[in-house]
Every structure is written in C-alpha cells, then in structure tokens.
Amino acid sequence: MFVLSTTPGEGFGTVLIEALAAGLPIVASDVPACREVLEDGRFGKLVQQGSPQALADGILEATKNPDVNVDERLEYARGFTPIKMMDQYLEIATAKK
C-alpha cells in the first residue's frame, strides 16, 4: 500500500505514478494533484486533506478491500512516460482556440 498525505500545494504527484506502476493500492489526500493523477479516485482512495482520522479510515478500508486491478493500473501508469506527457503537453499548447 502507498499512502500520500499532502496539501493543495502538491505539484504533479509523480510518486503516485510510481505507486501505480508498482501495482500498489493507494490512499491519498483529496487535493487537485492527487485527484488528477488518480482520476478522481478511480485508481486510489481519496480522503479529506488535513484529517488524520480520514486518512486512518482510508488506510483501514484499503486494507480490508484492496480493490487493485493491477493490469489496469499498469496500463494507466504507462501513459505517464516523459515522451507521452510531452506529446500531450504540446497537443494542448498548440491547439487552436
């Protein structure tokens, strides 16, 4: 299991990609970066930021119900290679408005 307790100032959340690639169940603070990487909780449990009790409850829930689809997580994590991310960035940056 991977647990990330962080604040809204968290950057991209690269450690979450690493945890996904390792096939681990994830519990993370519900902040923008974690929401983005975990697709609003699809790939990990999001818990209230700044709440030790919510974090503890999330860990216990993930321990009892790991709900890990390793193949799906690995496929998703493969989308975050530097080349794929740069391609997506350039696509956004050059999109006509």
PDB file of N, CA and C in Angstrom:
ATOM      1  N   MET A   1       0.844  -1.172   0.000  1.00  0.00           N
ATOM      2  CA  MET A   1       0.000   0.000   0.000  1.00  0.00           C
ATOM      3  C   MET A   1       0.895   1.242   0.000  1.00  0.00           C
ATOM      4  N   PHE A   2       0.418   2.275  -0.698  1.00  0.00           N
ATOM      5  CA  PHE A   2       1.119   3.550  -0.705  1.00  0.00           C
ATOM      6  C   PHE A   2       0.175   4.604  -0.154  1.00  0.00           C
ATOM      7  N   VAL A   3       0.672   5.411   0.779  1.00  0.00           N
ATOM      8  CA  VAL A   3      -0.128   6.454   1.411  1.00  0.00           C
ATOM      9  C   VAL A   3       0.554   7.796   1.189  1.00  0.00           C
ATOM     10  N   LEU A   4      -0.195   8.769   0.694  1.00  0.00           N
ATOM     11  CA  LEU A   4       0.340  10.115   0.484  1.00  0.00           C
ATOM     12  C   LEU A   4      -0.573  11.124   1.166  1.00  0.00           C
ATOM     13  N   SER A   5      -0.072  11.699   2.239  1.00  0.00           N
ATOM     14  CA  SER A   5      -0.772  12.775   2.925  1.00  0.00           C
ATOM     15  C   SER A   5      -0.089  14.069   2.505  1.00  0.00           C
ATOM     16  N   THR A   6      -0.837  14.927   1.823  1.00  0.00           N
ATOM     17  CA  THR A   6      -0.223  16.137   1.286  1.00  0.00           C
ATOM     18  C   THR A   6      -1.195  17.313   1.350  1.00  0.00           C
ATOM     19  N   THR A   7      -0.762  18.433   0.838  1.00  0.00           N
ATOM     20  CA  THR A   7      -1.538  19.675   0.874  1.00  0.00           C
ATOM     21  C   THR A   7      -1.938  20.083  -0.545  1.00  0.00           C
ATOM     22  N   PRO A   8      -2.828  21.064  -0.671  1.00  0.00           N
ATOM     23  CA  PRO A   8      -3.229  21.517  -2.003  1.00  0.00           C
ATOM     24  C   PRO A   8      -2.057  22.065  -2.833  1.00  0.00           C
ATOM     25  N   GLY A   9      -0.950  22.390  -2.200  1.00  0.00           N
ATOM     26  CA  GLY A   9       0.211  22.898  -2.918  1.00  0.00           C
ATOM     27  C   GLY A   9       1.029  21.820  -3.607  1.00  0.00           C
ATOM     28  N   GLU A  10       0.636  20.556  -3.448  1.00  0.00           N
ATOM     29  CA  GLU A  10       1.348  19.445  -4.092  1.00  0.00           C
ATOM     30  C   GLU A  10       1.415  19.680  -5.586  1.00  0.00           C
ATOM     31  N   GLY A  11       2.576  19.400  -6.171  1.00  0.00           N
ATOM     32  CA  GLY A  11       2.741  19.563  -7.616  1.00  0.00           C
ATOM     33  C   GLY A  11       2.010  18.483  -8.378  1.00  0.00           C
ATOM     34  N   PHE A  12       2.681  17.787  -9.222  1.00  0.00           N
ATOM     35  CA  PHE A  12       2.036  16.794 -10.071  1.00  0.00           C
ATOM     36  C   PHE A  12       1.738  15.482  -9.362  1.00  0.00           C
ATOM     37  N   GLY A  13       2.539  15.045  -8.445  1.00  0.00           N
ATOM     38  CA  GLY A  13       2.277  13.778  -7.752  1.00  0.00           C
ATOM     39  C   GLY A  13       2.942  12.598  -8.430  1.00  0.00           C
ATOM     40  N   THR A  14       4.197  12.778  -8.838  1.00  0.00           N
ATOM     41  CA  THR A  14       4.946  11.721  -9.511  1.00  0.00           C
ATOM     42  C   THR A  14       5.012  10.447  -8.682  1.00  0.00           C
ATOM     43  N   VAL A  15       5.085  10.580  -7.367  1.00  0.00           N
ATOM     44  CA  VAL A  15       5.158   9.389  -6.514  1.00  0.00           C
ATOM     45  C   VAL A  15       3.910   8.525  -6.672  1.00  0.00           C
ATOM     46  N   LEU A  16       2.776   9.131  -7.008  1.00  0.00           N
ATOM     47  CA  LEU A  16       1.557   8.355  -7.229  1.00  0.00           C
ATOM     48  C   LEU A  16       1.677   7.505  -8.493  1.00  0.00           C
ATOM     49  N   ILE A  17       2.314   8.038  -9.520  1.00  0.00           N
ATOM     50  CA  ILE A  17       2.546   7.274 -10.750  1.00  0.00           C
ATOM     51  C   ILE A  17       3.445   6.080 -10.438  1.00  0.00           C
ATOM     52  N   GLU A  18       4.458   6.305  -9.618  1.00  0.00           N
ATOM     53  CA  GLU A  18       5.358   5.215  -9.236  1.00  0.00           C
ATOM     54  C   GLU A  18       4.610   4.143  -8.453  1.00  0.00           C
ATOM     55  N   ALA A  19       3.719   4.550  -7.559  1.00  0.00           N
ATOM     56  CA  ALA A  19       2.929   3.587  -6.786  1.00  0.00           C
ATOM     57  C   ALA A  19       1.981   2.810  -7.705  1.00  0.00           C
ATOM     58  N   LEU A  20       1.384   3.496  -8.676  1.00  0.00           N
ATOM     59  CA  LEU A  20       0.524   2.821  -9.648  1.00  0.00           C
ATOM     60  C   LEU A  20       1.322   1.791 -10.437  1.00  0.00           C
ATOM     61  N   ALA A  21       2.505   2.190 -10.893  1.00  0.00           N
ATOM     62  CA  ALA A  21       3.357   1.294 -11.673  1.00  0.00           C
ATOM     63  C   ALA A  21       3.782   0.079 -10.855  1.00  0.00           C
ATOM     64  N   ALA A  22       3.892   0.252  -9.542  1.00  0.00           N
ATOM     65  CA  ALA A  22       4.249  -0.858  -8.658  1.00  0.00           C
ATOM     66  C   ALA A  22       3.035  -1.732  -8.340  1.00  0.00           C
ATOM     67  N   GLY A  23       1.850  -1.310  -8.787  1.00  0.00           N
ATOM     68  CA  GLY A  23       0.640  -2.090  -8.562  1.00  0.00           C
ATOM     69  C   GLY A  23       0.097  -2.013  -7.144  1.00  0.00           C
ATOM     70  N   LEU A  24       0.454  -0.956  -6.439  1.00  0.00           N
ATOM     71  CA  LEU A  24       0.033  -0.826  -5.037  1.00  0.00           C
ATOM     72  C   LEU A  24      -1.339  -0.180  -4.895  1.00  0.00           C
ATOM     73  N   PRO A  25      -2.106  -0.598  -3.892  1.00  0.00           N
ATOM     74  CA  PRO A  25      -3.301   0.169  -3.552  1.00  0.00           C
ATOM     75  C   PRO A  25      -2.842   1.525  -3.008  1.00  0.00           C
ATOM     76  N   ILE A  26      -3.601   2.569  -3.273  1.00  0.00           N
ATOM     77  CA  ILE A  26      -3.187   3.928  -2.902  1.00  0.00           C
ATOM     78  C   ILE A  26      -4.265   4.610  -2.082  1.00  0.00           C
ATOM     79  N   VAL A  27      -3.814   5.313  -1.047  1.00  0.00           N
ATOM     80  CA  VAL A  27      -4.664   6.207  -0.259  1.00  0.00           C
ATOM     81  C   VAL A  27      -3.964   7.561  -0.298  1.00  0.00           C
ATOM     82  N   ALA A  28      -4.671   8.597  -0.714  1.00  0.00           N
ATOM     83  CA  ALA A  28      -4.043   9.913  -0.850  1.00  0.00           C
ATOM     84  C   ALA A  28      -5.010  11.021  -0.454  1.00  0.00           C
ATOM     85  N   SER A  29      -4.429  12.156  -0.095  1.00  0.00           N
ATOM     86  CA  SER A  29      -5.229  13.333   0.239  1.00  0.00           C
ATOM     87  C   SER A  29      -6.015  13.790  -0.983  1.00  0.00           C
ATOM     88  N   ASP A  30      -7.224  14.233  -0.749  1.00  0.00           N
ATOM     89  CA  ASP A  30      -8.080  14.727  -1.820  1.00  0.00           C
ATOM     90  C   ASP A  30      -7.708  16.176  -2.118  1.00  0.00           C
ATOM     91  N   VAL A  31      -6.656  16.326  -2.915  1.00  0.00           N
ATOM     92  CA  VAL A  31      -6.182  17.642  -3.362  1.00  0.00           C
ATOM     93  C   VAL A  31      -6.066  17.579  -4.886  1.00  0.00           C
ATOM     94  N   PRO A  32      -6.003  18.727  -5.564  1.00  0.00           N
ATOM     95  CA  PRO A  32      -6.024  18.722  -7.030  1.00  0.00           C
ATOM     96  C   PRO A  32      -5.026  17.774  -7.697  1.00  0.00           C
ATOM     97  N   ALA A  33      -3.777  17.766  -7.273  1.00  0.00           N
ATOM     98  CA  ALA A  33      -2.778  16.913  -7.927  1.00  0.00           C
ATOM     99  C   ALA A  33      -3.127  15.435  -7.795  1.00  0.00           C
ATOM    100  N   CYS A  34      -3.547  15.025  -6.618  1.00  0.00           N
ATOM    101  CA  CYS A  34      -3.904  13.617  -6.396  1.00  0.00           C
ATOM    102  C   CYS A  34      -5.166  13.256  -7.155  1.00  0.00           C
ATOM    103  N   ARG A  35      -6.127  14.169  -7.183  1.00  0.00           N
ATOM    104  CA  ARG A  35      -7.359  13.938  -7.936  1.00  0.00           C
ATOM    105  C   ARG A  35      -7.056  13.729  -9.413  1.00  0.00           C
ATOM    106  N   GLU A  36      -6.140  14.556  -9.938  1.00  0.00           N
ATOM    107  CA  GLU A  36      -5.789  14.459 -11.355  1.00  0.00           C
ATOM    108  C   GLU A  36      -5.125  13.125 -11.663  1.00  0.00           C
ATOM    109  N   VAL A  37      -4.097  12.784 -10.906  1.00  0.00           N
ATOM    110  CA  VAL A  37      -3.349  11.556 -11.180  1.00  0.00           C
ATOM    111  C   VAL A  37      -4.215  10.313 -10.945  1.00  0.00           C
ATOM    112  N   LEU A  38      -5.020  10.329  -9.915  1.00  0.00           N
ATOM    113  CA  LEU A  38      -5.831   9.154  -9.574  1.00  0.00           C
ATOM    114  C   LEU A  38      -7.203   9.174 -10.236  1.00  0.00           C
ATOM    115  N   GLU A  39      -7.394  10.076 -11.179  1.00  0.00           N
ATOM    116  CA  GLU A  39      -8.657  10.207 -11.920  1.00  0.00           C
ATOM    117  C   GLU A  39      -9.859  10.234 -10.979  1.00  0.00           C
ATOM    118  N   ASP A  40      -9.842  11.201 -10.076  1.00  0.00           N
ATOM    119  CA  ASP A  40     -10.947  11.419  -9.131  1.00  0.00           C
ATOM    120  C   ASP A  40     -11.282  10.188  -8.286  1.00  0.00           C
ATOM    121  N   GLY A  41     -10.263   9.401  -7.971  1.00  0.00           N
ATOM    122  CA  GLY A  41     -10.470   8.242  -7.106  1.00  0.00           C
ATOM    123  C   GLY A  41     -10.600   6.919  -7.838  1.00  0.00           C
ATOM    124  N   ARG A  42     -10.551   6.937  -9.141  1.00  0.00           N
ATOM    125  CA  ARG A  42     -10.656   5.687  -9.908  1.00  0.00           C
ATOM    126  C   ARG A  42      -9.488   4.753  -9.611  1.00  0.00           C
ATOM    127  N   PHE A  43      -8.299   5.318  -9.419  1.00  0.00           N
ATOM    128  CA  PHE A  43      -7.105   4.495  -9.228  1.00  0.00           C
ATOM    129  C   PHE A  43      -6.551   4.557  -7.815  1.00  0.00           C
ATOM    130  N   GLY A  44      -7.313   5.083  -6.889  1.00  0.00           N
ATOM    131  CA  GLY A  44      -6.873   5.137  -5.500  1.00  0.00           C
ATOM    132  C   GLY A  44      -7.925   5.814  -4.635  1.00  0.00           C
ATOM    133  N   LYS A  45      -7.844   5.568  -3.373  1.00  0.00           N
ATOM    134  CA  LYS A  45      -8.790   6.139  -2.401  1.00  0.00           C
ATOM    135  C   LYS A  45      -8.366   7.562  -2.063  1.00  0.00           C
ATOM    136  N   LEU A  46      -9.267   8.522  -2.256  1.00  0.00           N
ATOM    137  CA  LEU A  46      -9.011   9.912  -1.886  1.00  0.00           C
ATOM    138  C   LEU A  46      -9.707  10.201  -0.568  1.00  0.00           C
ATOM    139  N   VAL A  47      -8.970  10.822   0.350  1.00  0.00           N
ATOM    140  CA  VAL A  47      -9.524  11.138   1.665  1.00  0.00           C
ATOM    141  C   VAL A  47      -9.374  12.626   1.951  1.00  0.00           C
ATOM    142  N   GLN A  48     -10.175  13.113   2.849  1.00  0.00           N
ATOM    143  CA  GLN A  48     -10.169  14.537   3.204  1.00  0.00           C
ATOM    144  C   GLN A  48      -8.772  14.991   3.602  1.00  0.00           C
ATOM    145  N   GLN A  49      -8.313  16.025   2.952  1.00  0.00           N
ATOM    146  CA  GLN A  49      -6.992  16.582   3.226  1.00  0.00           C
ATOM    147  C   GLN A  49      -6.953  17.184   4.626  1.00  0.00           C
ATOM    148  N   GLY A  50      -5.878  16.922   5.352  1.00  0.00           N
ATOM    149  CA  GLY A  50      -5.699  17.518   6.672  1.00  0.00           C
ATOM    150  C   GLY A  50      -6.426  16.805   7.794  1.00  0.00           C
ATOM    151  N   SER A  51      -7.024  15.660   7.512  1.00  0.00           N
ATOM    152  CA  SER A  51      -7.767  14.929   8.530  1.00  0.00           C
ATOM    153  C   SER A  51      -7.077  13.608   8.843  1.00  0.00           C
ATOM    154  N   PRO A  52      -6.387  13.534   9.987  1.00  0.00           N
ATOM    155  CA  PRO A  52      -5.753  12.265  10.361  1.00  0.00           C
ATOM    156  C   PRO A  52      -6.757  11.116  10.450  1.00  0.00           C
ATOM    157  N   GLN A  53      -7.969  11.410  10.925  1.00  0.00           N
ATOM    158  CA  GLN A  53      -8.969  10.350  11.051  1.00  0.00           C
ATOM    159  C   GLN A  53      -9.397   9.831   9.680  1.00  0.00           C
ATOM    160  N   ALA A  54      -9.605  10.742   8.738  1.00  0.00           N
ATOM    161  CA  ALA A  54      -9.995  10.322   7.385  1.00  0.00           C
ATOM    162  C   ALA A  54      -8.878   9.491   6.751  1.00  0.00           C
ATOM    163  N   LEU A  55      -7.634   9.877   6.984  1.00  0.00           N
ATOM    164  CA  LEU A  55      -6.501   9.123   6.451  1.00  0.00           C
ATOM    165  C   LEU A  55      -6.461   7.723   7.059  1.00  0.00           C
ATOM    166  N   ALA A  56      -6.616   7.644   8.374  1.00  0.00           N
ATOM    167  CA  ALA A  56      -6.615   6.344   9.059  1.00  0.00           C
ATOM    168  C   ALA A  56      -7.768   5.474   8.558  1.00  0.00           C
ATOM    169  N   ASP A  57      -8.945   6.059   8.414  1.00  0.00           N
ATOM    170  CA  ASP A  57     -10.104   5.310   7.921  1.00  0.00           C
ATOM    171  C   ASP A  57      -9.863   4.807   6.488  1.00  0.00           C
ATOM    172  N   GLY A  58      -9.252   5.655   5.669  1.00  0.00           N
ATOM    173  CA  GLY A  58      -8.951   5.261   4.289  1.00  0.00           C
ATOM    174  C   GLY A  58      -7.960   4.113   4.223  1.00  0.00           C
ATOM    175  N   ILE A  59      -6.967   4.148   5.098  1.00  0.00           N
ATOM    176  CA  ILE A  59      -5.977   3.070   5.143  1.00  0.00           C
ATOM    177  C   ILE A  59      -6.648   1.762   5.569  1.00  0.00           C
ATOM    178  N   LEU A  60      -7.476   1.837   6.607  1.00  0.00           N
ATOM    179  CA  LEU A  60      -8.174   0.631   7.067  1.00  0.00           C
ATOM    180  C   LEU A  60      -9.080   0.067   5.974  1.00  0.00           C
ATOM    181  N   GLU A  61      -9.799   0.945   5.286  1.00  0.00           N
ATOM    182  CA  GLU A  61     -10.688   0.500   4.213  1.00  0.00           C
ATOM    183  C   GLU A  61      -9.899  -0.167   3.085  1.00  0.00           C
ATOM    184  N   ALA A  62      -8.778   0.442   2.713  1.00  0.00           N
ATOM    185  CA  ALA A  62      -7.954  -0.122   1.647  1.00  0.00           C
ATOM    186  C   ALA A  62      -7.332  -1.455   2.065  1.00  0.00           C
ATOM    187  N   THR A  63      -7.071  -1.612   3.349  1.00  0.00           N
ATOM    188  CA  THR A  63      -6.525  -2.871   3.848  1.00  0.00           C
ATOM    189  C   THR A  63      -7.575  -3.976   3.764  1.00  0.00           C
ATOM    190  N   LYS A  64      -8.802  -3.639   4.082  1.00  0.00           N
ATOM    191  CA  LYS A  64      -9.889  -4.623   4.063  1.00  0.00           C
ATOM    192  C   LYS A  64     -10.373  -4.917   2.647  1.00  0.00           C
ATOM    193  N   ASN A  65     -10.373  -3.896   1.799  1.00  0.00           N
ATOM    194  CA  ASN A  65     -10.855  -4.024   0.420  1.00  0.00           C
ATOM    195  C   ASN A  65      -9.837  -3.423  -0.548  1.00  0.00           C
ATOM    196  N   PRO A  66      -8.749  -4.133  -0.825  1.00  0.00           N
ATOM    197  CA  PRO A  66      -7.691  -3.540  -1.656  1.00  0.00           C
ATOM    198  C   PRO A  66      -8.145  -3.138  -3.057  1.00  0.00           C
ATOM    199  N   ASP A  67      -9.101  -3.864  -3.664  1.00  0.00           N
ATOM    200  CA  ASP A  67      -9.655  -3.497  -4.972  1.00  0.00           C
ATOM    201  C   ASP A  67      -8.582  -3.023  -5.941  1.00  0.00           C
ATOM    202  N   VAL A  68      -7.569  -3.850  -6.125  1.00  0.00           N
ATOM    203  CA  VAL A  68      -6.466  -3.485  -7.013  1.00  0.00           C
ATOM    204  C   VAL A  68      -6.567  -4.274  -8.309  1.00  0.00           C
ATOM    205  N   ASN A  69      -6.818  -3.582  -9.386  1.00  0.00           N
ATOM    206  CA  ASN A  69      -6.755  -4.181 -10.707  1.00  0.00           C
ATOM    207  C   ASN A  69      -5.382  -3.809 -11.261  1.00  0.00           C
ATOM    208  N   VAL A  70      -4.397  -4.667 -10.996  1.00  0.00           N
ATOM    209  CA  VAL A  70      -3.006  -4.354 -11.315  1.00  0.00           C
ATOM    210  C   VAL A  70      -2.818  -4.081 -12.797  1.00  0.00           C
ATOM    211  N   ASP A  71      -3.411  -4.894 -13.666  1.00  0.00           N
ATOM    212  CA  ASP A  71      -3.235  -4.692 -15.101  1.00  0.00           C
ATOM    213  C   ASP A  71      -3.747  -3.328 -15.547  1.00  0.00           C
ATOM    214  N   GLU A  72      -4.909  -2.937 -15.044  1.00  0.00           N
ATOM    215  CA  GLU A  72      -5.483  -1.643 -15.416  1.00  0.00           C
ATOM    216  C   GLU A  72      -4.604  -0.493 -14.904  1.00  0.00           C
ATOM    217  N   ARG A  73      -4.105  -0.630 -13.687  1.00  0.00           N
ATOM    218  CA  ARG A  73      -3.238   0.415 -13.120  1.00  0.00           C
ATOM    219  C   ARG A  73      -1.927   0.538 -13.893  1.00  0.00           C
ATOM    220  N   LEU A  74      -1.352  -0.614 -14.257  1.00  0.00           N
ATOM    221  CA  LEU A  74      -0.097  -0.582 -15.014  1.00  0.00           C
ATOM    222  C   LEU A  74      -0.298   0.065 -16.379  1.00  0.00           C
ATOM    223  N   GLU A  75      -1.388  -0.274 -17.037  1.00  0.00           N
ATOM    224  CA  GLU A  75      -1.674   0.331 -18.345  1.00  0.00           C
ATOM    225  C   GLU A  75      -1.851   1.846 -18.202  1.00  0.00           C
ATOM    226  N   TYR A  76      -2.561   2.262 -17.186  1.00  0.00           N
ATOM    227  CA  TYR A  76      -2.762   3.693 -16.935  1.00  0.00           C
ATOM    228  C   TYR A  76      -1.427   4.382 -16.653  1.00  0.00           C
ATOM    229  N   ALA A  77      -0.589   3.766 -15.825  1.00  0.00           N
ATOM    230  CA  ALA A  77       0.709   4.360 -15.467  1.00  0.00           C
ATOM    231  C   ALA A  77       1.614   4.503 -16.688  1.00  0.00           C
ATOM    232  N   ARG A  78       1.479   3.608 -17.646  1.00  0.00           N
ATOM    233  CA  ARG A  78       2.298   3.682 -18.868  1.00  0.00           C
ATOM    234  C   ARG A  78       2.022   4.958 -19.668  1.00  0.00           C
ATOM    235  N   GLY A  79       0.895   5.575 -19.417  1.00  0.00           N
ATOM    236  CA  GLY A  79       0.557   6.813 -20.108  1.00  0.00           C
ATOM    237  C   GLY A  79       1.314   8.024 -19.592  1.00  0.00           C
ATOM    238  N   PHE A  80       2.123   7.836 -18.568  1.00  0.00           N
ATOM    239  CA  PHE A  80       2.843   8.955 -17.966  1.00  0.00           C
ATOM    240  C   PHE A  80       4.337   8.926 -18.246  1.00  0.00           C
ATOM    241  N   THR A  81       4.742   8.329 -19.358  1.00  0.00           N
ATOM    242  CA  THR A  81       6.160   8.379 -19.719  1.00  0.00           C
ATOM    243  C   THR A  81       6.480   9.820 -20.127  1.00  0.00           C
ATOM    244  N   PRO A  82       7.732  10.226 -19.996  1.00  0.00           N
ATOM    245  CA  PRO A  82       8.078  11.603 -20.384  1.00  0.00           C
ATOM    246  C   PRO A  82       7.685  11.938 -21.820  1.00  0.00           C
ATOM    247  N   ILE A  83       7.885  11.012 -22.742  1.00  0.00           N
ATOM    248  CA  ILE A  83       7.563  11.288 -24.143  1.00  0.00           C
ATOM    249  C   ILE A  83       6.057  11.466 -24.324  1.00  0.00           C
ATOM    250  N   LYS A  84       5.253  10.583 -23.730  1.00  0.00           N
ATOM    251  CA  LYS A  84       3.798  10.706 -23.862  1.00  0.00           C
ATOM    252  C   LYS A  84       3.297  11.980 -23.199  1.00  0.00           C
ATOM    253  N   MET A  85       3.857  12.316 -22.067  1.00  0.00           N
ATOM    254  CA  MET A  85       3.426  13.538 -21.378  1.00  0.00           C
ATOM    255  C   MET A  85       3.796  14.773 -22.194  1.00  0.00           C
ATOM    256  N   MET A  86       4.979  14.773 -22.805  1.00  0.00           N
ATOM    257  CA  MET A  86       5.390  15.919 -23.625  1.00  0.00           C
ATOM    258  C   MET A  86       4.495  16.023 -24.866  1.00  0.00           C
ATOM    259  N   ASP A  87       4.170  14.888 -25.465  1.00  0.00           N
ATOM    260  CA  ASP A  87       3.258  14.905 -26.620  1.00  0.00           C
ATOM    261  C   ASP A  87       1.910  15.510 -26.234  1.00  0.00           C
ATOM    262  N   GLN A  88       1.393  15.117 -25.076  1.00  0.00           N
ATOM    263  CA  GLN A  88       0.101  15.648 -24.618  1.00  0.00           C
ATOM    264  C   GLN A  88       0.206  17.140 -24.320  1.00  0.00           C
ATOM    265  N   TYR A  89       1.312  17.549 -23.720  1.00  0.00           N
ATOM    266  CA  TYR A  89       1.517  18.972 -23.426  1.00  0.00           C
ATOM    267  C   TYR A  89       1.546  19.774 -24.723  1.00  0.00           C
ATOM    268  N   LEU A  90       2.310  19.298 -25.706  1.00  0.00           N
ATOM    269  CA  LEU A  90       2.408  20.012 -26.976  1.00  0.00           C
ATOM    270  C   LEU A  90       1.061  20.057 -27.695  1.00  0.00           C
ATOM    271  N   GLU A  91       0.300  18.988 -27.567  1.00  0.00           N
ATOM    272  CA  GLU A  91      -1.032  18.964 -28.190  1.00  0.00           C
ATOM    273  C   GLU A  91      -1.922  20.054 -27.583  1.00  0.00           C
ATOM    274  N   ILE A  92      -1.861  20.204 -26.287  1.00  0.00           N
ATOM    275  CA  ILE A  92      -2.643  21.228 -25.607  1.00  0.00           C
ATOM    276  C   ILE A  92      -2.127  22.625 -25.964  1.00  0.00           C
ATOM    277  N   ALA A  93      -0.804  22.773 -25.957  1.00  0.00           N
ATOM    278  CA  ALA A  93      -0.196  24.079 -26.193  1.00  0.00           C
ATOM    279  C   ALA A  93      -0.415  24.574 -27.623  1.00  0.00           C
ATOM    280  N   THR A  94      -0.535  23.653 -28.563  1.00  0.00           N
ATOM    281  CA  THR A  94      -0.673  24.077 -29.966  1.00  0.00           C
ATOM    282  C   THR A  94      -2.114  23.994 -30.476  1.00  0.00           C
ATOM    283  N   ALA A  95      -3.030  23.633 -29.611  1.00  0.00           N
ATOM    284  CA  ALA A  95      -4.444  23.529 -30.019  1.00  0.00           C
ATOM    285  C   ALA A  95      -4.963  24.909 -30.405  1.00  0.00           C
ATOM    286  N   LYS A  96      -5.680  24.932 -31.481  1.00  0.00           N
ATOM    287  CA  LYS A  96      -6.286  26.197 -31.932  1.00  0.00           C
ATOM    288  C   LYS A  96      -7.534  26.455 -31.103  1.00  0.00           C
ATOM    289  N   LYS A  97      -7.710  27.692 -30.736  1.00  0.00           N
ATOM    290  CA  LYS A  97      -8.866  28.074 -29.911  1.00  0.00           C
ATOM    291  C   LYS A  97      -9.883  28.787 -30.735  1.00  0.00           C
TER     292      LYS A  97
END
